[in-house]
Amino acid sequence: MRTFDEEVHLIGLVESVDDEGFNVIVEGKKPPILANKLSVRSNEYWQAKQSGISLSYTFEVHAIEYNGEEKLMYDDDEYRIERTYKKGDYVELICVRKADDHAT
């Protein structure tokens, strides 16, 4: 059952104003969207673990709200979107918590 009861902020390019009053495009937190938090599939978790990556969560969002962002915020933690999987009108975002990400 899809509940979409978790709030996430995708991190991507947003329009801002610099110190001199000019419009600029910078990386920033976008307005919150609702997501369905799923468990990471065990086979995917173990395959990633063999490569030294500890997958944290899978978030399912509406495809129309996802525009290729590579990061998101959830519960005040930053996550790198390791992989995506499109399922009809939804996109699964498989994430690694930035604090646990030793690959970068």
N, C-alpha and C. Protein backbone atom coordinates (compact mmCIF):
# COMPACT_ATOMS: atom_id res chain seq x y z
N MET A 1 0.84 -1.18 0.00
CA MET A 1 0.00 0.00 0.00
C MET A 1 0.89 1.25 0.00
N ARG A 2 0.60 2.17 -0.84
CA ARG A 2 1.34 3.42 -0.94
C ARG A 2 0.74 4.44 0.02
N THR A 3 1.55 4.89 0.97
CA THR A 3 1.03 5.84 1.96
C THR A 3 1.52 7.26 1.73
N PHE A 4 2.70 7.43 1.15
CA PHE A 4 3.28 8.75 0.89
C PHE A 4 3.16 9.65 2.13
N ASP A 5 3.69 9.15 3.25
CA ASP A 5 3.60 9.88 4.51
C ASP A 5 4.96 10.35 5.03
N GLU A 6 5.98 10.27 4.18
CA GLU A 6 7.31 10.76 4.55
C GLU A 6 7.62 12.00 3.71
N GLU A 7 8.20 13.01 4.35
CA GLU A 7 8.54 14.24 3.65
C GLU A 7 10.03 14.24 3.32
N VAL A 8 10.36 14.45 2.05
CA VAL A 8 11.75 14.56 1.63
C VAL A 8 11.93 15.86 0.85
N HIS A 9 13.16 16.33 0.83
CA HIS A 9 13.52 17.51 0.03
C HIS A 9 14.54 17.04 -1.00
N LEU A 10 14.21 17.11 -2.26
CA LEU A 10 15.20 16.83 -3.29
C LEU A 10 16.18 17.99 -3.32
N ILE A 11 17.44 17.70 -3.59
CA ILE A 11 18.47 18.73 -3.68
C ILE A 11 18.92 18.79 -5.13
N GLY A 12 18.74 19.95 -5.72
CA GLY A 12 19.09 20.13 -7.12
C GLY A 12 19.35 21.59 -7.41
N LEU A 13 19.32 21.93 -8.65
CA LEU A 13 19.57 23.32 -9.05
C LEU A 13 18.31 24.15 -8.80
N VAL A 14 18.51 25.26 -8.09
CA VAL A 14 17.40 26.17 -7.80
C VAL A 14 17.84 27.59 -8.12
N GLU A 15 16.87 28.44 -8.41
CA GLU A 15 17.18 29.84 -8.69
C GLU A 15 17.31 30.59 -7.38
N SER A 16 18.31 31.44 -7.31
CA SER A 16 18.57 32.21 -6.10
C SER A 16 19.07 33.60 -6.51
N VAL A 17 19.30 34.44 -5.53
CA VAL A 17 19.85 35.78 -5.77
C VAL A 17 21.17 35.87 -5.01
N ASP A 18 22.24 36.28 -5.70
CA ASP A 18 23.55 36.38 -5.05
C ASP A 18 23.66 37.67 -4.24
N ASP A 19 24.81 37.86 -3.61
CA ASP A 19 25.04 39.03 -2.74
C ASP A 19 24.93 40.36 -3.48
N GLU A 20 25.11 40.32 -4.79
CA GLU A 20 25.04 41.56 -5.58
C GLU A 20 23.69 41.76 -6.25
N GLY A 21 22.71 40.88 -5.91
CA GLY A 21 21.37 41.05 -6.42
C GLY A 21 21.09 40.39 -7.77
N PHE A 22 22.03 39.59 -8.28
CA PHE A 22 21.83 38.93 -9.56
C PHE A 22 21.20 37.55 -9.37
N ASN A 23 20.33 37.19 -10.29
CA ASN A 23 19.76 35.84 -10.28
C ASN A 23 20.84 34.85 -10.66
N VAL A 24 20.97 33.79 -9.87
CA VAL A 24 21.95 32.74 -10.14
C VAL A 24 21.28 31.38 -9.93
N ILE A 25 21.86 30.38 -10.53
CA ILE A 25 21.40 29.00 -10.35
C ILE A 25 22.42 28.31 -9.46
N VAL A 26 21.97 27.81 -8.31
CA VAL A 26 22.86 27.14 -7.36
C VAL A 26 22.23 25.83 -6.91
N GLU A 27 23.06 24.97 -6.31
CA GLU A 27 22.52 23.74 -5.75
C GLU A 27 21.84 24.09 -4.43
N GLY A 28 20.62 23.61 -4.26
CA GLY A 28 19.89 23.92 -3.03
C GLY A 28 18.76 22.95 -2.80
N LYS A 29 18.20 23.07 -1.61
CA LYS A 29 17.09 22.22 -1.20
C LYS A 29 15.81 22.73 -1.83
N LYS A 30 15.10 21.84 -2.49
CA LYS A 30 13.83 22.19 -3.12
C LYS A 30 12.69 22.06 -2.11
N PRO A 31 11.52 22.59 -2.41
CA PRO A 31 10.38 22.45 -1.50
C PRO A 31 10.10 20.97 -1.21
N PRO A 32 9.53 20.66 -0.06
CA PRO A 32 9.29 19.26 0.31
C PRO A 32 8.28 18.59 -0.61
N ILE A 33 8.49 17.29 -0.79
CA ILE A 33 7.52 16.46 -1.49
C ILE A 33 7.23 15.25 -0.61
N LEU A 34 6.11 14.61 -0.84
CA LEU A 34 5.75 13.42 -0.08
C LEU A 34 6.28 12.18 -0.78
N ALA A 35 6.81 11.26 0.03
CA ALA A 35 7.38 10.03 -0.50
C ALA A 35 6.89 8.83 0.30
N ASN A 36 6.96 7.69 -0.32
CA ASN A 36 6.66 6.42 0.31
C ASN A 36 7.99 5.77 0.64
N LYS A 37 8.30 5.56 1.94
CA LYS A 37 9.57 4.96 2.33
C LYS A 37 9.45 3.44 2.25
N LEU A 38 10.36 2.84 1.50
CA LEU A 38 10.37 1.39 1.32
C LEU A 38 11.67 0.81 1.86
N SER A 39 11.67 -0.47 2.13
CA SER A 39 12.90 -1.16 2.51
C SER A 39 13.74 -1.38 1.26
N VAL A 40 15.05 -1.36 1.44
CA VAL A 40 15.95 -1.71 0.35
C VAL A 40 15.83 -3.21 0.15
N ARG A 41 15.69 -3.63 -1.10
CA ARG A 41 15.58 -5.07 -1.39
C ARG A 41 16.86 -5.77 -0.96
N SER A 42 16.73 -6.94 -0.33
CA SER A 42 17.90 -7.61 0.26
C SER A 42 18.96 -7.96 -0.78
N ASN A 43 18.56 -8.43 -1.95
CA ASN A 43 19.58 -8.77 -2.96
C ASN A 43 20.32 -7.53 -3.44
N GLU A 44 19.61 -6.41 -3.56
CA GLU A 44 20.24 -5.16 -3.98
C GLU A 44 21.16 -4.63 -2.87
N TYR A 45 20.71 -4.78 -1.61
CA TYR A 45 21.52 -4.34 -0.49
C TYR A 45 22.85 -5.10 -0.45
N TRP A 46 22.79 -6.43 -0.59
CA TRP A 46 24.01 -7.24 -0.49
C TRP A 46 24.92 -7.05 -1.70
N GLN A 47 24.36 -6.84 -2.87
CA GLN A 47 25.19 -6.57 -4.04
C GLN A 47 25.94 -5.25 -3.86
N ALA A 48 25.26 -4.24 -3.34
CA ALA A 48 25.90 -2.95 -3.10
C ALA A 48 26.96 -3.08 -2.01
N LYS A 49 26.65 -3.85 -0.97
CA LYS A 49 27.57 -4.04 0.15
C LYS A 49 28.89 -4.65 -0.33
N GLN A 50 28.83 -5.54 -1.32
CA GLN A 50 30.04 -6.15 -1.88
C GLN A 50 30.91 -5.11 -2.57
N SER A 51 30.31 -4.02 -3.00
CA SER A 51 31.05 -2.93 -3.63
C SER A 51 31.43 -1.84 -2.62
N GLY A 52 31.17 -2.09 -1.34
CA GLY A 52 31.52 -1.12 -0.31
C GLY A 52 30.50 -0.03 -0.11
N ILE A 53 29.27 -0.22 -0.59
CA ILE A 53 28.21 0.78 -0.47
C ILE A 53 27.12 0.23 0.45
N SER A 54 26.73 1.03 1.46
CA SER A 54 25.67 0.63 2.39
C SER A 54 24.41 1.40 2.05
N LEU A 55 23.50 0.78 1.33
CA LEU A 55 22.25 1.43 0.96
C LEU A 55 21.41 1.67 2.21
N SER A 56 20.76 2.82 2.30
CA SER A 56 20.01 3.20 3.50
C SER A 56 18.51 3.02 3.33
N TYR A 57 17.95 3.69 2.33
CA TYR A 57 16.51 3.69 2.11
C TYR A 57 16.20 3.67 0.63
N THR A 58 14.97 3.27 0.35
CA THR A 58 14.38 3.47 -0.97
C THR A 58 13.15 4.35 -0.75
N PHE A 59 13.09 5.46 -1.48
CA PHE A 59 11.93 6.33 -1.43
C PHE A 59 11.23 6.27 -2.77
N GLU A 60 9.93 6.12 -2.74
CA GLU A 60 9.12 6.12 -3.95
C GLU A 60 8.43 7.48 -4.04
N VAL A 61 8.63 8.16 -5.17
CA VAL A 61 8.03 9.48 -5.38
C VAL A 61 7.29 9.47 -6.71
N HIS A 62 6.41 10.45 -6.88
CA HIS A 62 5.72 10.58 -8.15
C HIS A 62 6.74 11.01 -9.22
N ALA A 63 6.71 10.35 -10.36
CA ALA A 63 7.69 10.62 -11.42
C ALA A 63 7.68 12.08 -11.86
N ILE A 64 6.54 12.72 -11.81
CA ILE A 64 6.45 14.12 -12.25
C ILE A 64 7.23 15.06 -11.32
N GLU A 65 7.51 14.62 -10.08
CA GLU A 65 8.22 15.46 -9.12
C GLU A 65 9.73 15.25 -9.13
N TYR A 66 10.19 14.23 -9.84
CA TYR A 66 11.62 13.92 -9.86
C TYR A 66 12.24 14.35 -11.18
N ASN A 67 13.31 15.15 -11.10
CA ASN A 67 13.94 15.68 -12.30
C ASN A 67 15.43 15.37 -12.37
N GLY A 68 15.81 14.17 -11.96
CA GLY A 68 17.20 13.76 -12.07
C GLY A 68 18.10 14.25 -10.95
N GLU A 69 17.53 14.73 -9.85
CA GLU A 69 18.35 15.18 -8.73
C GLU A 69 19.22 14.02 -8.23
N GLU A 70 20.40 14.36 -7.70
CA GLU A 70 21.34 13.34 -7.24
C GLU A 70 21.42 13.24 -5.72
N LYS A 71 20.71 14.13 -5.02
CA LYS A 71 20.73 14.13 -3.56
C LYS A 71 19.34 14.45 -3.03
N LEU A 72 19.12 14.09 -1.74
CA LEU A 72 17.90 14.47 -1.06
C LEU A 72 18.16 14.60 0.43
N MET A 73 17.27 15.30 1.11
CA MET A 73 17.31 15.43 2.57
C MET A 73 16.11 14.70 3.15
N TYR A 74 16.38 13.94 4.23
CA TYR A 74 15.32 13.24 4.94
C TYR A 74 15.69 13.22 6.42
N ASP A 75 14.81 13.67 7.28
CA ASP A 75 15.06 13.74 8.72
C ASP A 75 16.39 14.43 9.04
N ASP A 76 16.64 15.55 8.40
CA ASP A 76 17.85 16.36 8.62
C ASP A 76 19.16 15.67 8.23
N ASP A 77 19.08 14.57 7.51
CA ASP A 77 20.27 13.90 6.98
C ASP A 77 20.28 14.02 5.47
N GLU A 78 21.48 14.17 4.91
CA GLU A 78 21.62 14.23 3.45
C GLU A 78 21.91 12.84 2.91
N TYR A 79 21.27 12.50 1.81
CA TYR A 79 21.44 11.20 1.15
C TYR A 79 21.84 11.42 -0.30
N ARG A 80 22.70 10.54 -0.78
CA ARG A 80 23.05 10.52 -2.21
C ARG A 80 22.14 9.50 -2.86
N ILE A 81 21.55 9.88 -3.99
CA ILE A 81 20.70 8.95 -4.73
C ILE A 81 21.62 8.07 -5.56
N GLU A 82 21.75 6.83 -5.14
CA GLU A 82 22.68 5.89 -5.76
C GLU A 82 22.14 5.36 -7.09
N ARG A 83 20.83 5.12 -7.12
CA ARG A 83 20.22 4.53 -8.31
C ARG A 83 18.75 4.89 -8.32
N THR A 84 18.17 4.93 -9.51
CA THR A 84 16.72 5.15 -9.63
C THR A 84 16.11 4.01 -10.43
N TYR A 85 14.82 3.82 -10.21
CA TYR A 85 14.09 2.78 -10.93
C TYR A 85 12.69 3.30 -11.20
N LYS A 86 12.34 3.49 -12.46
CA LYS A 86 11.02 4.02 -12.84
C LYS A 86 10.01 2.88 -12.91
N LYS A 87 8.89 3.08 -12.23
CA LYS A 87 7.79 2.11 -12.22
C LYS A 87 6.50 2.84 -12.55
N GLY A 88 6.20 2.95 -13.83
CA GLY A 88 4.97 3.63 -14.25
C GLY A 88 4.99 5.10 -13.86
N ASP A 89 4.04 5.52 -13.03
CA ASP A 89 3.93 6.91 -12.60
C ASP A 89 4.83 7.24 -11.41
N TYR A 90 5.64 6.28 -10.97
CA TYR A 90 6.47 6.46 -9.79
C TYR A 90 7.94 6.19 -10.12
N VAL A 91 8.82 6.75 -9.28
CA VAL A 91 10.25 6.51 -9.40
C VAL A 91 10.75 6.10 -8.02
N GLU A 92 11.49 4.99 -7.97
CA GLU A 92 12.14 4.59 -6.74
C GLU A 92 13.53 5.22 -6.70
N LEU A 93 13.84 5.86 -5.57
CA LEU A 93 15.15 6.48 -5.37
C LEU A 93 15.87 5.67 -4.30
N ILE A 94 16.91 4.94 -4.70
CA ILE A 94 17.66 4.10 -3.77
C ILE A 94 18.81 4.96 -3.25
N CYS A 95 18.88 5.14 -1.92
CA CYS A 95 19.74 6.16 -1.32
C CYS A 95 20.78 5.61 -0.36
N VAL A 96 21.87 6.38 -0.26
CA VAL A 96 22.95 6.14 0.70
C VAL A 96 23.06 7.38 1.57
N ARG A 97 23.04 7.21 2.89
CA ARG A 97 23.19 8.35 3.78
C ARG A 97 24.59 8.92 3.63
N LYS A 98 24.68 10.22 3.41
CA LYS A 98 25.97 10.86 3.13
C LYS A 98 27.01 10.58 4.21
N ALA A 99 26.60 10.55 5.47
CA ALA A 99 27.53 10.29 6.57
C ALA A 99 28.10 8.87 6.49
N ASP A 100 27.37 7.94 5.86
CA ASP A 100 27.81 6.55 5.73
C ASP A 100 28.51 6.29 4.42
N ASP A 101 28.56 7.29 3.54
CA ASP A 101 29.09 7.13 2.18
C ASP A 101 30.60 7.36 2.19
N HIS A 102 31.35 6.30 2.20
CA HIS A 102 32.81 6.39 2.22
C HIS A 102 33.41 6.33 0.81
N ALA A 103 32.55 6.19 -0.19
CA ALA A 103 33.02 6.08 -1.58
C ALA A 103 33.47 7.44 -2.12
N THR A 104 32.92 8.54 -1.55
CA THR A 104 33.29 9.87 -2.05
C THR A 104 33.95 10.69 -0.99
